Protein backbone atom coordinates (compact mmCIF):
# COMPACT_ATOMS: atom_id res chain seq x y z
CA MET A 1 -0.10 0.29 -0.20
CA THR A 2 1.50 3.59 -0.80
CA ILE A 3 1.24 5.91 2.08
CA LEU A 4 1.02 9.70 1.27
CA ARG A 5 2.71 12.28 3.05
CA HIS A 6 2.56 15.96 3.56
CA ASN A 7 4.94 16.88 1.42
CA SER A 8 3.43 14.89 -1.54
CA LEU A 9 -0.21 16.58 -0.60
CA PHE A 10 1.08 20.07 -0.53
CA ALA A 11 3.09 19.27 -3.80
CA LEU A 12 -0.47 18.35 -5.13
CA CYS A 13 -2.27 21.57 -3.88
CA PRO A 14 0.37 24.50 -2.97
CA LYS A 15 -2.23 26.88 -1.89
CA LEU A 16 -2.65 24.44 1.07
CA VAL A 17 0.56 25.78 2.61
CA LEU A 18 -0.73 29.08 3.42
CA TYR A 19 -3.66 27.23 5.78
CA ARG A 20 -1.37 24.57 7.40
CA HIS A 21 -1.63 26.03 10.89
CA HIS A 22 -5.64 27.16 10.50
CA PRO A 23 -7.39 24.30 13.06
CA LEU A 24 -9.94 23.42 10.26
CA PHE A 25 -6.46 22.41 8.30
CA VAL A 26 -5.28 20.09 11.25
CA PHE A 27 -8.40 18.60 11.87
CA VAL A 28 -9.11 17.74 7.84
CA SER A 29 -5.68 16.61 8.08
CA LEU A 30 -6.31 14.16 10.61
CA SER A 31 -9.12 12.87 8.97
CA LEU A 32 -7.43 12.38 5.85
CA PHE A 33 -4.02 10.90 7.14
CA LEU A 34 -5.60 8.61 10.06
CA PRO A 35 -7.00 5.78 8.29
CA PHE A 36 -3.61 5.70 6.30
CA VAL A 37 -1.76 5.50 9.64
CA LEU A 38 -4.30 2.89 10.52
CA SER A 39 -3.76 0.56 8.33
CA GLY A 40 -0.20 0.18 8.40
CA ALA A 41 -0.49 -0.68 11.61
CA GLN A 42 0.09 -4.32 12.55
CA PRO A 43 -2.57 -6.75 11.81
CA ALA A 44 -4.29 -8.69 14.66
CA THR A 45 -2.70 -12.36 14.37
CA SER A 46 -5.61 -14.69 13.64
CA THR A 47 -5.81 -17.70 15.02
CA THR A 48 -7.31 -20.93 12.87
CA ILE A 49 -9.29 -23.74 13.47
CA TYR A 50 -7.99 -26.33 10.93
CA PHE A 51 -10.66 -29.08 10.12
CA TYR A 52 -10.60 -31.88 8.47
CA SER A 53 -12.54 -35.24 8.71
CA PRO A 54 -12.60 -38.66 6.67
CA GLU A 55 -15.78 -39.77 8.74
CA THR A 56 -18.02 -37.48 6.92
CA ASN A 57 -18.82 -36.30 3.44
CA ILE A 58 -19.10 -32.38 3.46
CA ASN A 59 -21.10 -30.82 0.58
CA ASN A 60 -20.58 -27.40 0.61
CA PHE A 61 -17.05 -26.41 2.56
CA SER A 62 -17.71 -22.76 1.79
CA SER A 63 -20.73 -22.86 3.34
CA LEU A 64 -19.33 -24.24 6.28
CA LYS A 65 -16.60 -21.70 6.50
CA ALA A 66 -18.61 -18.73 6.14
CA GLU A 67 -20.90 -20.03 9.06
CA PHE A 68 -18.03 -20.52 11.34
CA ASP A 69 -16.28 -17.37 9.99
CA ILE A 70 -19.28 -15.43 11.04
CA TYR A 71 -19.79 -17.05 14.82
CA LEU A 72 -15.87 -16.78 15.38
CA SER A 73 -15.61 -13.29 14.24
CA GLN A 74 -17.80 -11.86 17.25
CA PHE A 75 -14.66 -13.06 19.22
CA GLY A 76 -11.44 -11.55 17.43
CA ALA A 77 -9.23 -12.76 14.93
CA TYR A 78 -10.48 -16.30 14.52
CA ARG A 79 -11.19 -18.00 11.35
CA PHE A 80 -12.26 -21.92 10.29
CA GLN A 81 -10.22 -23.50 7.68
CA PRO A 82 -11.97 -27.16 5.98
CA PHE A 83 -10.26 -29.16 3.94
CA SER A 84 -11.32 -31.50 1.65
CA GLU A 85 -8.04 -33.41 1.27
CA ARG A 86 -6.04 -35.19 3.51
CA LEU A 87 -2.76 -34.54 2.42
CA THR A 88 -3.23 -30.67 1.95
CA PHE A 89 -4.61 -30.73 6.01
CA GLU A 90 -1.39 -32.25 6.47
CA THR A 91 0.85 -29.96 4.53
CA PHE A 92 -0.77 -26.99 6.63
CA ILE A 93 -1.26 -28.45 10.28
CA ALA A 94 2.84 -29.23 9.79
CA LYS A 95 3.37 -25.53 9.02
CA SER A 96 1.04 -23.79 11.40
CA ASP A 97 2.65 -21.89 14.27
CA ARG A 98 -0.98 -20.49 15.73
CA ALA A 99 -4.26 -23.04 15.31
CA VAL A 100 -6.07 -26.06 16.87
CA PHE A 101 -6.92 -28.72 14.79
CA LEU A 102 -10.33 -30.27 14.59
CA LEU A 103 -9.91 -33.89 13.17
CA SER A 104 -10.99 -37.74 13.96
CA THR A 105 -9.48 -40.08 16.32
CA TRP A 106 -8.54 -42.12 13.33
CA HIS A 107 -6.81 -39.65 11.98
CA TYR A 108 -5.14 -38.02 14.97
CA GLN A 109 -3.90 -41.59 16.14
CA ASN A 110 -2.36 -41.68 12.65
CA LEU A 111 -0.75 -38.33 13.12
CA LYS A 112 0.66 -38.18 16.56
CA ARG A 113 3.52 -40.47 15.81
CA ARG A 114 4.74 -37.95 13.13
CA LEU A 115 3.95 -34.35 14.89
CA SER A 116 3.88 -33.60 17.94
CA MET A 117 0.03 -33.07 19.03
CA GLU A 118 -1.88 -32.61 22.54
CA PRO A 119 -5.43 -33.69 22.30
CA VAL A 120 -7.53 -31.13 24.38
CA LEU A 121 -11.50 -31.53 23.84
CA VAL A 122 -13.82 -33.96 22.58
CA GLY A 123 -17.04 -33.54 20.39
CA VAL A 124 -20.39 -35.12 21.99
CA SER A 125 -23.50 -36.06 20.29
CA ARG A 126 -26.54 -37.32 22.47
CA ASN A 127 -24.60 -36.62 25.52
CA GLN A 128 -22.18 -39.42 24.41
CA SER A 129 -18.35 -38.98 23.56
CA THR A 130 -18.25 -42.35 21.78
CA GLN A 131 -19.82 -43.91 18.88
CA ARG A 132 -19.55 -47.60 16.82
CA ARG A 133 -19.60 -48.29 13.35
CA VAL A 134 -21.71 -50.78 12.00
CA LEU A 135 -22.02 -53.00 8.85
CA SER A 136 -26.10 -53.42 7.76
CA VAL A 137 -26.94 -55.51 4.75
CA GLN A 138 -30.66 -56.61 3.69
CA LYS A 139 -31.94 -59.47 5.68
CA SER A 140 -31.53 -61.78 2.33
CA PHE A 141 -27.85 -61.78 2.71
CA THR A 142 -27.45 -64.37 4.78
CA ASP A 143 -23.98 -65.82 4.26
CA ILE A 144 -21.23 -63.55 5.28
CA GLY A 145 -18.89 -65.77 3.53
CA PHE A 146 -20.21 -63.40 0.26
CA LEU A 147 -18.84 -60.44 1.04
CA LYS A 148 -15.95 -60.83 -1.20
CA GLY A 149 -16.22 -57.67 -4.11
CA ILE A 150 -19.76 -56.10 -2.53
CA LYS A 151 -19.96 -52.60 -2.69
CA ILE A 152 -20.76 -50.62 0.38
CA ALA A 153 -22.11 -47.27 0.87
CA SER A 154 -20.58 -44.75 3.12
CA SER A 155 -20.54 -41.22 3.97
CA GLY A 156 -16.75 -41.57 4.88
CA SER A 157 -13.78 -42.00 2.86
CA ALA A 158 -12.59 -45.06 1.35
CA GLU A 159 -9.71 -45.06 3.29
CA PHE A 160 -11.25 -44.51 6.56
CA THR A 161 -13.93 -46.99 5.62
CA THR A 162 -11.52 -49.72 4.79
CA THR A 163 -9.54 -49.21 7.77
CA ILE A 164 -12.27 -49.44 10.21
CA LEU A 165 -13.90 -52.30 8.25
CA LYS A 166 -10.28 -54.25 8.76
CA HIS A 167 -11.07 -54.22 12.85
CA MET A 168 -14.89 -55.01 12.51
CA LEU A 169 -14.26 -58.08 10.25
CA HIS A 170 -11.00 -59.44 11.87
CA ASP A 171 -11.78 -62.88 10.69
CA ARG A 172 -12.02 -62.10 7.21
CA ASP A 173 -8.80 -62.38 4.55
CA SER A 174 -7.09 -58.76 3.90
CA ALA A 175 -8.08 -59.70 0.08
CA VAL A 176 -11.86 -59.75 0.81
CA ILE A 177 -11.75 -56.80 2.26
CA ALA A 178 -9.45 -55.31 -0.48
CA SER A 179 -12.15 -56.37 -3.18
CA MET A 180 -14.78 -54.54 -1.56
CA LYS A 181 -16.05 -51.59 -3.38
CA ILE A 182 -16.87 -48.45 -1.16
CA PHE A 183 -19.35 -46.40 -2.44
CA SER A 184 -19.49 -42.74 -1.73
CA VAL A 185 -22.37 -41.23 -0.73
CA PRO A 186 -23.15 -37.58 1.25
CA LYS A 187 -24.67 -38.84 4.69
CA ASP A 188 -25.66 -42.21 6.33
CA ILE A 189 -29.07 -42.13 6.11
CA ASP A 190 -28.06 -42.08 2.68
CA ALA A 191 -26.17 -45.40 2.98
CA LEU A 192 -28.86 -46.69 4.22
CA LEU A 193 -31.36 -45.94 1.84
CA ALA A 194 -28.95 -47.03 -0.77
CA VAL A 195 -29.29 -50.55 0.49
CA GLY A 196 -32.77 -50.53 0.31
CA PHE A 197 -32.81 -49.55 -3.06
CA GLY A 198 -30.56 -52.00 -4.28
CA MET A 199 -27.72 -49.47 -5.27
CA SER A 200 -25.24 -50.85 -3.00
CA THR A 201 -25.14 -54.58 -0.81
CA ALA A 202 -24.11 -52.94 2.48
CA ALA A 203 -24.13 -49.61 4.40
CA PHE A 204 -21.43 -48.73 6.87
CA THR A 205 -22.62 -46.21 9.33
CA THR A 206 -22.78 -44.99 12.95
CA GLN A 207 -24.93 -46.76 15.43
CA ASN A 208 -26.40 -43.27 16.20
CA SER A 209 -27.44 -42.74 12.59
CA LEU A 210 -29.15 -46.31 12.23
CA GLU A 211 -31.23 -45.73 15.50
CA LYS A 212 -32.33 -42.80 13.86
CA PHE A 213 -33.18 -44.36 10.69
CA GLU A 214 -35.40 -47.22 13.12
CA ASN A 215 -37.15 -43.93 13.81
CA ILE A 216 -38.01 -42.37 10.99
CA ASN A 217 -38.27 -45.13 8.38
CA PRO A 218 -38.97 -48.64 10.71
CA LYS A 219 -40.44 -50.44 7.56
CA GLN A 220 -37.29 -50.10 5.86
CA PHE A 221 -35.25 -50.30 8.49
CA ASN A 222 -36.78 -54.00 9.58
CA THR A 223 -35.44 -55.08 6.46
CA LEU A 224 -31.91 -54.85 7.26
CA ARG A 225 -29.39 -57.10 9.20
CA GLN A 226 -26.70 -55.85 11.19
CA ILE A 227 -23.66 -58.11 10.62
CA ALA A 228 -21.14 -56.37 11.99
CA VAL A 229 -20.38 -54.00 14.90
CA SER A 230 -16.80 -51.81 15.52
CA SER A 231 -15.96 -51.29 19.13
CA GLU A 232 -16.23 -47.54 20.51
CA THR A 233 -14.43 -44.81 19.11
CA LEU A 234 -14.43 -40.87 20.30
CA PHE A 235 -15.88 -38.73 18.51
CA PRO A 236 -13.55 -35.99 16.49
CA ILE A 237 -11.29 -34.58 18.78
CA VAL A 238 -9.42 -30.61 19.11
CA ALA A 239 -5.84 -31.10 19.46
CA ARG A 240 -2.89 -28.44 19.54
CA GLN A 241 0.51 -28.41 19.12
CA MET A 242 2.43 -29.22 21.94
CA ASP A 243 4.09 -25.45 22.48
CA SER A 244 1.27 -23.58 21.69
CA ALA A 245 -0.79 -23.78 24.89
CA ASP A 246 -0.48 -19.93 25.34
CA GLN A 247 -1.26 -18.84 22.27
CA VAL A 248 -4.58 -20.63 21.34
CA GLN A 249 -6.29 -21.11 24.90
CA ASP A 250 -8.55 -18.65 24.10
CA ILE A 251 -10.10 -20.17 21.09
CA LEU A 252 -10.04 -23.09 22.95
CA ASP A 253 -12.14 -21.71 25.50
CA ILE A 254 -14.32 -20.31 22.69
CA MET A 255 -15.01 -24.01 21.12
CA GLU A 256 -15.57 -25.37 24.46
CA LYS A 257 -18.33 -22.84 24.91
CA MET A 258 -20.04 -23.42 21.44
CA GLY A 259 -22.51 -25.94 22.95
CA ASP A 260 -23.79 -23.32 25.23
CA ASP A 261 -24.84 -21.26 22.80
CA PRO A 262 -27.68 -21.63 20.57
CA GLU A 263 -25.26 -19.98 17.27
CA GLY A 264 -22.35 -22.00 18.42
CA GLU A 265 -24.55 -25.27 18.73
CA LYS A 266 -26.09 -24.80 14.97
CA ARG A 267 -22.66 -24.61 13.74
CA LEU A 268 -21.24 -27.61 15.16
CA LYS A 269 -23.94 -29.58 14.22
CA MET A 270 -23.14 -28.95 10.99
CA LEU A 271 -20.41 -31.52 12.18
CA GLY A 272 -22.69 -34.08 13.59
CA LEU A 273 -21.68 -32.50 16.78
CA ASP A 274 -23.73 -31.36 19.53
CA SER A 275 -20.94 -29.73 21.81
CA LEU A 276 -17.32 -29.73 22.84
CA LYS A 277 -16.11 -30.84 26.28
CA LYS A 278 -12.34 -31.22 27.82
CA LEU A 279 -11.09 -34.74 27.38
CA SER A 280 -11.39 -36.85 30.68
CA ASN A 281 -8.64 -39.43 31.63
CA ASP A 282 -10.39 -42.15 30.82
CA GLU A 283 -11.20 -40.40 27.21
CA LEU A 284 -7.39 -40.12 27.12
CA GLU A 285 -6.43 -43.66 27.70
CA MET A 286 -8.79 -44.71 25.20
CA LEU A 287 -7.32 -42.26 22.49
CA ASN A 288 -3.48 -43.27 23.17
CA LYS A 289 -4.02 -46.86 22.90
C-alpha cells in the first residue's frame, strides 16, 4: 500500500501551505491521514481452526467456512479453515504456528507419531463422546462368506471405511477387504437408503444414524440386518501443538462453550456434534491406546 506524506499533499495543492496552521486544516489533515496510519499498523494475529474429517462427507465447504467464520468473528481474529483433502490438511498443520486442529480420532492416531500434538477437547453427540460403526445388509443376505467384491455405501472416505472394516471383520481374509467397493454417499441415511434401493449391498454407518433411521423409517429398517459392529471410538477431537498452549487457549475456551450457545451449537451440528468438552482421563487413555 502507498502511504501519502504531507509534502506530497502540498505538492499536489500548493495553496494548502497558506492554511497549514489553521485549526480546520489540522482537523481535515487528521481525518485524511489517520486511516492510512491505522492501516499501516500491525494487524491482529489470527488464530485458525483447521478441520478435516474422513468420517463425514461435507457437501459445501464454502458454506461451512462462512458459517463458522461469522460465528467466530464476534470473539476476535479467529477463522475456520476446512479441508477436503487429507494431504493438504496435513501439509498446513505441519507448518502452522497459531492454530488448533479439529480431526477424527482415527486421523489423530495416525498423525501423533509424526507431529507433536496434544488432544484437548472431544466432540459430544446425544450426551455421548463415543460412537460405534455398524455394517448393515439386507436380511436376504444370509452368508457373510460372500462379502468378497460387495459394494458398501459409506459417507466416510474409502481409506477410513476400509481401515475400520479391517478391525470390524478381523476374521476375514485381507484380500476380501481389499475387494470391497466403497460407494460414496453424502450422509449415513443415504447409505442405508442405498441398500434399500439396491444401489449397494451394505451400509457402513454409525450406530446413532442407524437408530435415527429406525425411528424415521421403521419399515425399511426392518429389512436390514447388522452383521458387524466396531468397538467404541471417540467422536472427533480438538488438538493443539505441544508448545502452543498460551497462544491458542482463547480459541479453545470459545470452542468449549459453543454447545451452550444456540448459534454455536448450530455450527457444531453441521459437523454432526452437539458440543465439545475437555477430554477425561479415561477418554485420553482410550485415545492413546
